[in-house]
Amino acid sequence: IAAHKYLNYEEFLNIMEVISLPTVPILYQGPWQTSLLDLAEQNESLCKSPQIREGIVIRPSIERYDLEVKRVVLKYISHRYMLRKNGTEKH
């Protein structure tokens, strides 16, 4: 049985390019800093009209595993999106 493993992100991007499969835009690549959470509060960059961004995905460049969270890939949900989902943000 072949071992199943996740690719490091750069390897993943290379394969997606070879098979011409688009990926989501990279908003930032580099060392972690808490100010990056502000990216989640901006409007979505894929839409022509302003849309609230749901959040951002935070992943390491090199795949890793943690006993508590399992695969280390996290999603930070924006406050604006949560308020909209709960019906408390005014449009």
Protein backbone atom coordinates (compact mmCIF):
# COMPACT_ATOMS: atom_id res chain seq x y z
CA ILE A 1 0.00 0.00 0.00
CA ALA A 2 1.40 3.38 -0.98
CA ALA A 3 1.96 5.91 1.79
CA HIS A 4 -0.43 8.85 1.66
CA LYS A 5 1.05 12.22 2.51
CA TYR A 6 0.36 15.88 1.97
CA LEU A 7 2.74 17.84 -0.22
CA ASN A 8 4.65 20.89 0.92
CA TYR A 9 2.84 23.94 -0.43
CA GLU A 10 5.46 24.77 -3.07
CA GLU A 11 5.26 21.18 -4.41
CA PHE A 12 1.48 21.45 -4.52
CA LEU A 13 1.64 24.74 -6.46
CA ASN A 14 4.09 23.23 -8.96
CA ILE A 15 1.77 20.31 -9.68
CA MET A 16 -1.24 22.62 -10.05
CA GLU A 17 0.72 24.67 -12.58
CA VAL A 18 1.77 21.56 -14.56
CA ILE A 19 -1.84 20.34 -14.83
CA SER A 20 -3.17 23.88 -15.39
CA LEU A 21 -5.47 23.83 -12.38
CA PRO A 22 -5.96 27.28 -10.81
CA THR A 23 -5.53 27.82 -7.08
CA VAL A 24 -6.80 30.52 -4.78
CA PRO A 25 -4.69 33.69 -4.63
CA ILE A 26 -1.88 33.87 -2.09
CA LEU A 27 -2.48 37.02 -0.03
CA TYR A 28 0.81 36.73 1.85
CA GLN A 29 3.72 34.32 2.06
CA GLY A 30 6.32 34.68 4.79
CA PRO A 31 6.79 34.60 8.55
CA TRP A 32 3.68 34.66 10.73
CA GLN A 33 2.62 37.92 12.36
CA THR A 34 -0.69 38.68 14.04
CA SER A 35 -1.26 41.72 11.81
CA LEU A 36 -1.99 39.21 9.02
CA LEU A 37 -5.40 38.62 10.60
CA ASP A 38 -6.36 42.03 9.16
CA LEU A 39 -6.32 40.36 5.71
CA ALA A 40 -9.38 38.37 6.77
CA GLU A 41 -11.36 41.57 7.35
CA GLN A 42 -10.76 42.98 3.86
CA ASN A 43 -13.18 42.53 0.97
CA GLU A 44 -12.79 39.44 -1.18
CA SER A 45 -10.24 39.87 -3.97
CA LEU A 46 -11.84 37.37 -6.38
CA CYS A 47 -15.14 39.19 -6.80
CA LYS A 48 -15.85 42.13 -9.12
CA SER A 49 -18.27 43.73 -6.66
CA PRO A 50 -17.36 44.17 -2.97
CA GLN A 51 -17.95 40.96 -1.03
CA ILE A 52 -17.10 40.19 2.57
CA ARG A 53 -14.17 37.80 2.76
CA GLU A 54 -15.04 34.67 4.73
CA GLY A 55 -11.57 34.43 6.18
CA ILE A 56 -8.03 33.29 5.45
CA VAL A 57 -6.27 29.94 5.44
CA ILE A 58 -3.04 29.77 7.39
CA ARG A 59 -0.64 26.98 6.49
CA PRO A 60 3.05 26.25 6.98
CA SER A 61 5.36 26.14 3.95
CA ILE A 62 6.57 22.72 5.09
CA GLU A 63 3.78 20.27 5.93
CA ARG A 64 3.64 19.27 9.57
CA TYR A 65 1.44 17.38 11.97
CA ASP A 66 0.48 18.27 15.54
CA LEU A 67 -1.01 15.79 17.99
CA GLU A 68 -3.64 18.30 19.12
CA VAL A 69 -4.75 19.90 15.83
CA LYS A 70 -3.66 17.07 13.47
CA ARG A 71 -2.61 18.49 10.08
CA VAL A 72 -1.43 22.03 10.66
CA VAL A 73 -3.69 24.04 8.36
CA LEU A 74 -5.95 26.54 10.03
CA LYS A 75 -8.73 28.84 8.86
CA TYR A 76 -9.36 32.15 10.52
CA ILE A 77 -12.97 33.30 9.99
CA SER A 78 -13.38 37.08 9.71
CA HIS A 79 -15.45 38.97 12.27
CA ARG A 80 -17.34 40.73 9.45
CA TYR A 81 -18.34 37.38 7.96
CA MET A 82 -19.50 36.02 11.32
CA LEU A 83 -21.58 39.14 11.94
CA ARG A 84 -23.16 38.82 8.50
CA LYS A 85 -23.91 35.13 9.07
CA ASN A 86 -25.58 36.02 12.38
CA GLY A 87 -27.56 38.85 10.76
CA THR A 88 -26.04 41.60 12.88
CA GLU A 89 -23.98 43.45 10.23
CA LYS A 90 -25.70 46.22 8.32
CA HIS A 91 -25.20 46.17 4.52
